[in-house]
Amino acid sequence: AEVVVSFGAFCALTTTIMVNLMSQPRIYFAMARDGLFFRWFTVVHPRFNTPINATVFTGCAAAILAALFGIDILTELVSMGTLLAFSMVCACVLIVRYKSPETPYRPTFLLLGLAVSAALVGVSFVQSWHIASTVIFFVLSLVPCIGFFRMKAYNMPTTFRAPLVPFTPLVGIYFNVFIMTNLNKWVWLQTAIWLAIGFSIYFTYGLKNSVVGLQARESAEPSGDQSSDDQEPLVEHSASTEAVEPETLEMETVELDEQDSLNRVH
């Protein structure tokens, strides 16, 4: 039985690593094509039509991490990244569905409250605190959930719609954060370092070079061409008015001359 389980684990790890090595370069390529990541990753192989630079970078990074860190640290780090990514997907579903112009930040505050309360529940459970504290934190975590159930959906998708919203994303965030609290504190520190590196790249490079972000900013700003176009009919109207006024005066003068000539005849 031990040989069978080991062989199954070996096959599962091999396929997972191969899938990650194939998918991660495409993510780098898509981000770089938009401008969120460095343009160096958009280079495509002339023969195989694959993102060659992104593939080489991903393979070298994976090899270096495997050589420097043990399997236990990498396992927990991958688990932390996966749980964090799933939690962010659930949070984005709730924000997109319930964000409105009247209350744009209310979903974000509710999600922060849910994450903090779920983390406190996990810490109290792992550290074997008093059962009363766990119950209190659990009751507090229900407050943001009730807030989402009382909110009215603003952006309803027209094609695919995630089922059981907001129940499914809320449960996903709750259990993901709960499991993340069971990981080692050094994994949290390494995750914070990786997040700091990612945020520094985003705010220093990606934010100002993103094509989608630039289009969104341009659409949000009022353009000067539209105001000038709106003023053109007024100018044309005033010009036409000025052009008509001399003709009107000339016609009135001709009518007065005709009346004078008739009076003289009579």
C-alpha atoms as a PDB file:
ATOM      1  CA  ALA A   1       0.000   0.000   0.000  1.00  0.00           C
ATOM      2  CA  GLU A   2       2.861   2.389   0.766  1.00  0.00           C
ATOM      3  CA  VAL A   3       4.334   1.876  -2.699  1.00  0.00           C
ATOM      4  CA  VAL A   4       0.979   2.539  -4.365  1.00  0.00           C
ATOM      5  CA  VAL A   5       0.388   5.736  -2.381  1.00  0.00           C
ATOM      6  CA  SER A   6       3.926   6.970  -3.084  1.00  0.00           C
ATOM      7  CA  PHE A   7       3.547   6.280  -6.789  1.00  0.00           C
ATOM      8  CA  GLY A   8       0.200   8.102  -6.859  1.00  0.00           C
ATOM      9  CA  ALA A   9       1.683  11.086  -5.035  1.00  0.00           C
ATOM     10  CA  PHE A  10       4.618  11.144  -7.462  1.00  0.00           C
ATOM     11  CA  CYS A  11       2.287  11.149 -10.481  1.00  0.00           C
ATOM     12  CA  ALA A  12       0.088  13.859  -8.945  1.00  0.00           C
ATOM     13  CA  LEU A  13       3.034  16.123  -8.127  1.00  0.00           C
ATOM     14  CA  THR A  14       4.547  15.629 -11.583  1.00  0.00           C
ATOM     15  CA  THR A  15       1.353  16.551 -13.413  1.00  0.00           C
ATOM     16  CA  THR A  16       0.750  19.535 -11.131  1.00  0.00           C
ATOM     17  CA  ILE A  17       4.258  20.860 -11.685  1.00  0.00           C
ATOM     18  CA  MET A  18       3.939  20.416 -15.451  1.00  0.00           C
ATOM     19  CA  VAL A  19       0.611  22.255 -15.528  1.00  0.00           C
ATOM     20  CA  ASN A  20       2.017  25.117 -13.466  1.00  0.00           C
ATOM     21  CA  LEU A  21       5.101  25.387 -15.651  1.00  0.00           C
ATOM     22  CA  MET A  22       2.869  25.576 -18.722  1.00  0.00           C
ATOM     23  CA  SER A  23       0.253  27.979 -17.359  1.00  0.00           C
ATOM     24  CA  GLN A  24       2.400  30.435 -15.416  1.00  0.00           C
ATOM     25  CA  PRO A  25       4.333  31.697 -18.489  1.00  0.00           C
ATOM     26  CA  ARG A  26       0.996  32.417 -20.215  1.00  0.00           C
ATOM     27  CA  ILE A  27      -0.061  34.486 -17.216  1.00  0.00           C
ATOM     28  CA  TYR A  28       3.174  36.476 -17.403  1.00  0.00           C
ATOM     29  CA  PHE A  29       2.663  36.895 -21.151  1.00  0.00           C
ATOM     30  CA  ALA A  30      -0.916  38.190 -20.750  1.00  0.00           C
ATOM     31  CA  MET A  31       0.104  40.615 -18.004  1.00  0.00           C
ATOM     32  CA  ALA A  32       3.071  41.890 -20.002  1.00  0.00           C
ATOM     33  CA  ARG A  33       0.955  42.352 -23.115  1.00  0.00           C
ATOM     34  CA  ASP A  34      -1.361  44.627 -21.158  1.00  0.00           C
ATOM     35  CA  GLY A  35       1.541  46.485 -19.536  1.00  0.00           C
ATOM     36  CA  LEU A  36       1.103  45.213 -15.972  1.00  0.00           C
ATOM     37  CA  PHE A  37       4.404  43.326 -16.239  1.00  0.00           C
ATOM     38  CA  PHE A  38       7.659  43.940 -18.056  1.00  0.00           C
ATOM     39  CA  ARG A  39       7.514  43.906 -21.873  1.00  0.00           C
ATOM     40  CA  TRP A  40      10.400  41.429 -21.931  1.00  0.00           C
ATOM     41  CA  PHE A  41       7.901  38.659 -21.198  1.00  0.00           C
ATOM     42  CA  THR A  42       5.964  39.312 -24.431  1.00  0.00           C
ATOM     43  CA  VAL A  43       8.719  37.832 -26.623  1.00  0.00           C
ATOM     44  CA  VAL A  44       7.373  34.866 -28.613  1.00  0.00           C
ATOM     45  CA  HIS A  45       9.505  32.103 -30.113  1.00  0.00           C
ATOM     46  CA  PRO A  46       9.590  32.498 -33.924  1.00  0.00           C
ATOM     47  CA  ARG A  47       9.151  28.755 -34.572  1.00  0.00           C
ATOM     48  CA  PHE A  48       7.010  27.378 -31.724  1.00  0.00           C
ATOM     49  CA  ASN A  49       4.936  30.566 -31.122  1.00  0.00           C
ATOM     50  CA  THR A  50       5.305  30.208 -27.349  1.00  0.00           C
ATOM     51  CA  PRO A  51       6.335  32.865 -24.780  1.00  0.00           C
ATOM     52  CA  ILE A  52       9.980  31.842 -24.680  1.00  0.00           C
ATOM     53  CA  ASN A  53      11.259  34.400 -22.154  1.00  0.00           C
ATOM     54  CA  ALA A  54       8.414  33.792 -19.721  1.00  0.00           C
ATOM     55  CA  THR A  55       8.885  30.006 -19.987  1.00  0.00           C
ATOM     56  CA  VAL A  56      12.633  30.192 -19.329  1.00  0.00           C
ATOM     57  CA  PHE A  57      12.111  32.575 -16.410  1.00  0.00           C
ATOM     58  CA  THR A  58       9.446  30.346 -14.823  1.00  0.00           C
ATOM     59  CA  GLY A  59      11.582  27.221 -15.143  1.00  0.00           C
ATOM     60  CA  CYS A  60      14.683  28.903 -13.698  1.00  0.00           C
ATOM     61  CA  ALA A  61      12.708  30.397 -10.803  1.00  0.00           C
ATOM     62  CA  ALA A  62      11.138  27.031  -9.966  1.00  0.00           C
ATOM     63  CA  ALA A  63      14.530  25.315 -10.087  1.00  0.00           C
ATOM     64  CA  ILE A  64      16.145  27.915  -7.820  1.00  0.00           C
ATOM     65  CA  LEU A  65      13.318  27.715  -5.266  1.00  0.00           C
ATOM     66  CA  ALA A  66      13.472  23.911  -5.277  1.00  0.00           C
ATOM     67  CA  ALA A  67      17.244  24.017  -4.710  1.00  0.00           C
ATOM     68  CA  LEU A  68      17.172  26.551  -1.861  1.00  0.00           C
ATOM     69  CA  PHE A  69      14.098  25.525   0.148  1.00  0.00           C
ATOM     70  CA  GLY A  70      12.855  22.249   1.562  1.00  0.00           C
ATOM     71  CA  ILE A  71       9.730  20.465   0.430  1.00  0.00           C
ATOM     72  CA  ASP A  72       7.891  21.276   3.689  1.00  0.00           C
ATOM     73  CA  ILE A  73       8.404  25.040   3.305  1.00  0.00           C
ATOM     74  CA  LEU A  74       7.488  25.002  -0.377  1.00  0.00           C
ATOM     75  CA  THR A  75       4.366  22.947   0.332  1.00  0.00           C
ATOM     76  CA  GLU A  76       3.088  25.411   2.903  1.00  0.00           C
ATOM     77  CA  LEU A  77       4.037  28.368   0.710  1.00  0.00           C
ATOM     78  CA  VAL A  78       2.151  26.913  -2.261  1.00  0.00           C
ATOM     79  CA  SER A  79      -0.810  26.171  -0.003  1.00  0.00           C
ATOM     80  CA  MET A  80      -0.799  29.769   1.232  1.00  0.00           C
ATOM     81  CA  GLY A  81      -0.688  31.135  -2.310  1.00  0.00           C
ATOM     82  CA  THR A  82      -3.486  28.855  -3.487  1.00  0.00           C
ATOM     83  CA  LEU A  83      -5.767  29.688  -0.542  1.00  0.00           C
ATOM     84  CA  LEU A  84      -5.051  33.400  -0.940  1.00  0.00           C
ATOM     85  CA  ALA A  85      -5.828  33.276  -4.668  1.00  0.00           C
ATOM     86  CA  PHE A  86      -9.116  31.441  -4.058  1.00  0.00           C
ATOM     87  CA  SER A  87     -10.079  33.961  -1.380  1.00  0.00           C
ATOM     88  CA  MET A  88      -9.369  36.874  -3.712  1.00  0.00           C
ATOM     89  CA  VAL A  89     -11.529  35.297  -6.429  1.00  0.00           C
ATOM     90  CA  CYS A  90     -14.431  34.939  -3.987  1.00  0.00           C
ATOM     91  CA  ALA A  91     -13.932  38.523  -2.798  1.00  0.00           C
ATOM     92  CA  CYS A  92     -13.906  39.849  -6.371  1.00  0.00           C
ATOM     93  CA  VAL A  93     -17.201  38.091  -7.096  1.00  0.00           C
ATOM     94  CA  LEU A  94     -18.822  39.847  -4.138  1.00  0.00           C
ATOM     95  CA  ILE A  95     -17.308  43.247  -4.936  1.00  0.00           C
ATOM     96  CA  VAL A  96     -18.336  43.145  -8.598  1.00  0.00           C
ATOM     97  CA  ARG A  97     -21.839  41.922  -7.743  1.00  0.00           C
ATOM     98  CA  TYR A  98     -22.628  44.340  -4.889  1.00  0.00           C
ATOM     99  CA  LYS A  99     -20.542  47.459  -5.609  1.00  0.00           C
ATOM    100  CA  SER A 100     -22.772  50.432  -6.441  1.00  0.00           C
ATOM    101  CA  PRO A 101     -22.165  54.171  -6.975  1.00  0.00           C
ATOM    102  CA  GLU A 102     -24.075  54.946  -3.779  1.00  0.00           C
ATOM    103  CA  THR A 103     -22.008  52.583  -1.560  1.00  0.00           C
ATOM    104  CA  PRO A 104     -18.769  51.848  -3.461  1.00  0.00           C
ATOM    105  CA  TYR A 105     -16.704  50.819  -0.411  1.00  0.00           C
ATOM    106  CA  ARG A 106     -19.290  48.952   1.646  1.00  0.00           C
ATOM    107  CA  PRO A 107     -18.502  45.479   0.172  1.00  0.00           C
ATOM    108  CA  THR A 108     -14.784  46.004   0.828  1.00  0.00           C
ATOM    109  CA  PHE A 109     -15.356  46.919   4.485  1.00  0.00           C
ATOM    110  CA  LEU A 110     -17.643  43.917   4.957  1.00  0.00           C
ATOM    111  CA  LEU A 111     -15.019  41.622   3.442  1.00  0.00           C
ATOM    112  CA  LEU A 112     -12.323  43.006   5.728  1.00  0.00           C
ATOM    113  CA  GLY A 113     -14.549  42.393   8.727  1.00  0.00           C
ATOM    114  CA  LEU A 114     -15.237  38.838   7.580  1.00  0.00           C
ATOM    115  CA  ALA A 115     -11.537  38.107   7.016  1.00  0.00           C
ATOM    116  CA  VAL A 116     -10.495  39.473  10.416  1.00  0.00           C
ATOM    117  CA  SER A 117     -13.234  37.628  12.298  1.00  0.00           C
ATOM    118  CA  ALA A 118     -12.536  34.353  10.443  1.00  0.00           C
ATOM    119  CA  ALA A 119      -8.818  34.714  11.233  1.00  0.00           C
ATOM    120  CA  LEU A 120      -9.637  35.242  14.918  1.00  0.00           C
ATOM    121  CA  VAL A 121     -11.808  32.131  14.905  1.00  0.00           C
ATOM    122  CA  GLY A 122      -8.954  30.144  13.362  1.00  0.00           C
ATOM    123  CA  VAL A 123      -6.355  31.489  15.802  1.00  0.00           C
ATOM    124  CA  SER A 124      -8.581  30.803  18.815  1.00  0.00           C
ATOM    125  CA  PHE A 125      -9.169  27.267  17.571  1.00  0.00           C
ATOM    126  CA  VAL A 126      -5.497  26.530  16.843  1.00  0.00           C
ATOM    127  CA  GLN A 127      -4.214  28.111  20.070  1.00  0.00           C
ATOM    128  CA  SER A 128      -6.882  26.298  22.110  1.00  0.00           C
ATOM    129  CA  TRP A 129      -8.343  29.430  23.608  1.00  0.00           C
ATOM    130  CA  HIS A 130     -11.469  29.334  25.695  1.00  0.00           C
ATOM    131  CA  ILE A 131     -14.515  28.107  23.849  1.00  0.00           C
ATOM    132  CA  ALA A 132     -16.346  31.332  24.677  1.00  0.00           C
ATOM    133  CA  SER A 133     -13.853  33.404  22.671  1.00  0.00           C
ATOM    134  CA  THR A 134     -14.278  31.135  19.647  1.00  0.00           C
ATOM    135  CA  VAL A 135     -18.051  31.442  19.870  1.00  0.00           C
ATOM    136  CA  ILE A 136     -17.848  35.244  20.162  1.00  0.00           C
ATOM    137  CA  PHE A 137     -15.581  35.546  17.135  1.00  0.00           C
ATOM    138  CA  PHE A 138     -17.846  33.214  15.181  1.00  0.00           C
ATOM    139  CA  VAL A 139     -20.893  35.347  15.989  1.00  0.00           C
ATOM    140  CA  LEU A 140     -18.985  38.468  14.941  1.00  0.00           C
ATOM    141  CA  SER A 141     -18.134  36.816  11.625  1.00  0.00           C
ATOM    142  CA  LEU A 142     -21.847  36.435  10.931  1.00  0.00           C
ATOM    143  CA  VAL A 143     -22.382  40.218  10.965  1.00  0.00           C
ATOM    144  CA  PRO A 144     -20.672  40.886   7.575  1.00  0.00           C
ATOM    145  CA  CYS A 145     -22.420  37.830   6.129  1.00  0.00           C
ATOM    146  CA  ILE A 146     -25.807  39.228   7.144  1.00  0.00           C
ATOM    147  CA  GLY A 147     -24.748  42.564   5.638  1.00  0.00           C
ATOM    148  CA  PHE A 148     -24.168  40.935   2.252  1.00  0.00           C
ATOM    149  CA  PHE A 149     -27.483  39.083   2.382  1.00  0.00           C
ATOM    150  CA  ARG A 150     -29.276  42.362   3.083  1.00  0.00           C
ATOM    151  CA  MET A 151     -27.564  44.186   0.203  1.00  0.00           C
ATOM    152  CA  LYS A 152     -29.174  44.357  -3.202  1.00  0.00           C
ATOM    153  CA  ALA A 153     -27.136  43.101  -6.156  1.00  0.00           C
ATOM    154  CA  TYR A 154     -26.155  45.961  -8.460  1.00  0.00           C
ATOM    155  CA  ASN A 155     -24.254  44.302 -11.336  1.00  0.00           C
ATOM    156  CA  MET A 156     -26.038  41.139 -12.416  1.00  0.00           C
ATOM    157  CA  PRO A 157     -24.201  39.125 -15.094  1.00  0.00           C
ATOM    158  CA  THR A 158     -26.111  38.418 -18.286  1.00  0.00           C
ATOM    159  CA  THR A 159     -24.264  35.246 -19.394  1.00  0.00           C
ATOM    160  CA  PHE A 160     -22.691  33.032 -16.731  1.00  0.00           C
ATOM    161  CA  ARG A 161     -23.799  33.626 -13.151  1.00  0.00           C
ATOM    162  CA  ALA A 162     -22.014  32.157 -10.130  1.00  0.00           C
ATOM    163  CA  PRO A 163     -24.451  30.011  -8.147  1.00  0.00           C
ATOM    164  CA  LEU A 164     -25.643  30.711  -4.607  1.00  0.00           C
ATOM    165  CA  VAL A 165     -24.169  34.200  -4.307  1.00  0.00           C
ATOM    166  CA  PRO A 166     -23.372  35.507  -1.684  1.00  0.00           C
ATOM    167  CA  PHE A 167     -23.445  32.171   0.186  1.00  0.00           C
ATOM    168  CA  THR A 168     -20.767  30.379  -1.872  1.00  0.00           C
ATOM    169  CA  PRO A 169     -18.130  33.198  -1.872  1.00  0.00           C
ATOM    170  CA  LEU A 170     -18.667  33.900   1.838  1.00  0.00           C
ATOM    171  CA  VAL A 171     -18.186  30.243   2.785  1.00  0.00           C
ATOM    172  CA  GLY A 172     -15.124  30.041   0.520  1.00  0.00           C
ATOM    173  CA  ILE A 173     -13.479  33.071   2.131  1.00  0.00           C
ATOM    174  CA  TYR A 174     -14.321  31.871   5.636  1.00  0.00           C
ATOM    175  CA  PHE A 175     -12.817  28.392   5.277  1.00  0.00           C
ATOM    176  CA  ASN A 176      -9.816  29.588   3.254  1.00  0.00           C
ATOM    177  CA  VAL A 177      -8.871  32.129   5.922  1.00  0.00           C
ATOM    178  CA  PHE A 178      -9.520  29.534   8.620  1.00  0.00           C
ATOM    179  CA  ILE A 179      -7.083  27.102   6.969  1.00  0.00           C
ATOM    180  CA  MET A 180      -4.511  29.853   6.380  1.00  0.00           C
ATOM    181  CA  THR A 181      -4.351  30.529  10.118  1.00  0.00           C
ATOM    182  CA  ASN A 182      -3.140  26.937  10.637  1.00  0.00           C
ATOM    183  CA  LEU A 183       0.004  27.518   8.578  1.00  0.00           C
ATOM    184  CA  ASN A 184       3.424  28.349   9.984  1.00  0.00           C
ATOM    185  CA  LYS A 185       4.248  31.935  10.918  1.00  0.00           C
ATOM    186  CA  TRP A 186       7.338  31.841   8.694  1.00  0.00           C
ATOM    187  CA  VAL A 187       5.077  31.086   5.741  1.00  0.00           C
ATOM    188  CA  TRP A 188       3.086  34.212   6.591  1.00  0.00           C
ATOM    189  CA  LEU A 189       6.325  36.214   6.656  1.00  0.00           C
ATOM    190  CA  GLN A 190       7.443  34.858   3.280  1.00  0.00           C
ATOM    191  CA  THR A 191       3.994  35.543   1.833  1.00  0.00           C
ATOM    192  CA  ALA A 192       4.185  39.131   3.096  1.00  0.00           C
ATOM    193  CA  ILE A 193       7.591  39.542   1.416  1.00  0.00           C
ATOM    194  CA  TRP A 194       6.297  38.182  -1.909  1.00  0.00           C
ATOM    195  CA  LEU A 195       3.241  40.421  -1.694  1.00  0.00           C
ATOM    196  CA  ALA A 196       5.449  43.447  -1.009  1.00  0.00           C
ATOM    197  CA  ILE A 197       7.513  42.639  -4.108  1.00  0.00           C
ATOM    198  CA  GLY A 198       4.365  42.245  -6.205  1.00  0.00           C
ATOM    199  CA  PHE A 199       2.824  45.484  -4.942  1.00  0.00           C
ATOM    200  CA  SER A 200       6.062  47.392  -5.597  1.00  0.00           C
ATOM    201  CA  ILE A 201       6.105  46.174  -9.225  1.00  0.00           C
ATOM    202  CA  TYR A 202       2.444  47.052  -9.649  1.00  0.00           C
ATOM    203  CA  PHE A 203       2.586  50.569  -8.225  1.00  0.00           C
ATOM    204  CA  THR A 204       5.915  51.512  -9.809  1.00  0.00           C
ATOM    205  CA  TYR A 205       5.462  49.927 -13.245  1.00  0.00           C
ATOM    206  CA  GLY A 206       2.156  48.219 -13.910  1.00  0.00           C
ATOM    207  CA  LEU A 207      -0.229  50.933 -12.769  1.00  0.00           C
ATOM    208  CA  LYS A 208       1.094  53.556 -15.181  1.00  0.00           C
ATOM    209  CA  ASN A 209       1.718  51.193 -18.124  1.00  0.00           C
ATOM    210  CA  SER A 210      -1.489  49.159 -18.122  1.00  0.00           C
ATOM    211  CA  VAL A 211      -3.443  49.561 -21.359  1.00  0.00           C
ATOM    212  CA  VAL A 212      -6.762  48.664 -19.755  1.00  0.00           C
ATOM    213  CA  GLY A 213      -6.146  51.067 -16.891  1.00  0.00           C
ATOM    214  CA  LEU A 214      -5.246  53.859 -19.303  1.00  0.00           C
ATOM    215  CA  GLN A 215      -8.449  53.296 -21.272  1.00  0.00           C
ATOM    216  CA  ALA A 216     -10.490  53.338 -18.077  1.00  0.00           C
ATOM    217  CA  ARG A 217      -8.902  56.617 -16.980  1.00  0.00           C
ATOM    218  CA  GLU A 218      -9.478  58.202 -20.398  1.00  0.00           C
ATOM    219  CA  SER A 219     -13.135  57.150 -20.428  1.00  0.00           C
ATOM    220  CA  ALA A 220     -13.635  58.531 -16.921  1.00  0.00           C
ATOM    221  CA  GLU A 221     -12.138  61.952 -17.748  1.00  0.00           C
ATOM    222  CA  PRO A 222     -14.321  64.427 -19.713  1.00  0.00           C
ATOM    223  CA  SER A 223     -12.752  65.189 -23.082  1.00  0.00           C
ATOM    224  CA  GLY A 224     -12.317  68.714 -24.399  1.00  0.00           C
ATOM    225  CA  ASP A 225     -13.359  67.715 -27.928  1.00  0.00           C
ATOM    226  CA  GLN A 226     -16.862  66.916 -26.763  1.00  0.00           C
ATOM    227  CA  SER A 227     -17.324  70.348 -25.208  1.00  0.00           C
ATOM    228  CA  SER A 228     -16.024  72.040 -28.359  1.00  0.00           C
ATOM    229  CA  ASP A 229     -18.413  69.973 -30.455  1.00  0.00           C
ATOM    230  CA  ASP A 230     -21.255  71.030 -28.233  1.00  0.00           C
ATOM    231  CA  GLN A 231     -20.321  74.661 -28.742  1.00  0.00           C
ATOM    232  CA  GLU A 232     -20.100  74.458 -32.545  1.00  0.00           C
ATOM    233  CA  PRO A 233     -23.889  74.481 -33.164  1.00  0.00           C
ATOM    234  CA  LEU A 234     -24.179  77.583 -31.002  1.00  0.00           C
ATOM    235  CA  VAL A 235     -21.513  79.327 -33.048  1.00  0.00           C
ATOM    236  CA  GLU A 236     -23.127  78.279 -36.306  1.00  0.00           C
ATOM    237  CA  HIS A 237     -26.513  79.420 -35.038  1.00  0.00           C
ATOM    238  CA  SER A 238     -25.189  82.816 -34.047  1.00  0.00           C
ATOM    239  CA  ALA A 239     -23.389  83.178 -37.381  1.00  0.00           C
ATOM    240  CA  SER A 240     -26.541  82.291 -39.292  1.00  0.00           C
ATOM    241  CA  THR A 241     -28.496  84.802 -37.222  1.00  0.00           C
ATOM    242  CA  GLU A 242     -25.987  87.494 -38.013  1.00  0.00           C
ATOM    243  CA  ALA A 243     -26.172  86.570 -41.703  1.00  0.00           C
ATOM    244  CA  VAL A 244     -29.960  86.811 -41.780  1.00  0.00           C
ATOM    245  CA  GLU A 245     -30.226  90.148 -40.011  1.00  0.00           C
ATOM    246  CA  PRO A 246     -28.873  92.340 -42.938  1.00  0.00           C
ATOM    247  CA  GLU A 247     -31.280  90.667 -45.373  1.00  0.00           C
ATOM    248  CA  THR A 248     -34.170  91.421 -43.056  1.00  0.00           C
ATOM    249  CA  LEU A 249     -33.154  95.065 -42.774  1.00  0.00           C
ATOM    250  CA  GLU A 250     -32.834  95.344 -46.561  1.00  0.00           C
ATOM    251  CA  MET A 251     -36.300  93.903 -47.094  1.00  0.00           C
ATOM    252  CA  GLU A 252     -37.790  96.299 -44.583  1.00  0.00           C
ATOM    253  CA  THR A 253     -36.083  99.240 -46.367  1.00  0.00           C
ATOM    254  CA  VAL A 254     -37.478  98.131 -49.744  1.00  0.00           C
ATOM    255  CA  GLU A 255     -41.008  97.893 -48.290  1.00  0.00           C
ATOM    256  CA  LEU A 256     -40.754 101.419 -46.840  1.00  0.00           C
ATOM    257  CA  ASP A 257     -39.583 102.807 -50.220  1.00  0.00           C
ATOM    258  CA  GLU A 258     -42.510 101.140 -51.979  1.00  0.00           C
ATOM    259  CA  GLN A 259     -44.968 102.619 -49.486  1.00  0.00           C
ATOM    260  CA  ASP A 260     -43.466 106.134 -49.987  1.00  0.00           C
ATOM    261  CA  SER A 261     -43.745 105.815 -53.780  1.00  0.00           C
ATOM    262  CA  LEU A 262     -47.413 104.747 -53.520  1.00  0.00           C
ATOM    263  CA  ASN A 263     -48.207 107.683 -51.235  1.00  0.00           C
ATOM    264  CA  ARG A 264     -46.676 110.072 -53.723  1.00  0.00           C
ATOM    265  CA  VAL A 265     -48.744 108.582 -56.537  1.00  0.00           C
ATOM    266  CA  HIS A 266     -51.935 109.002 -54.565  1.00  0.00           C
END
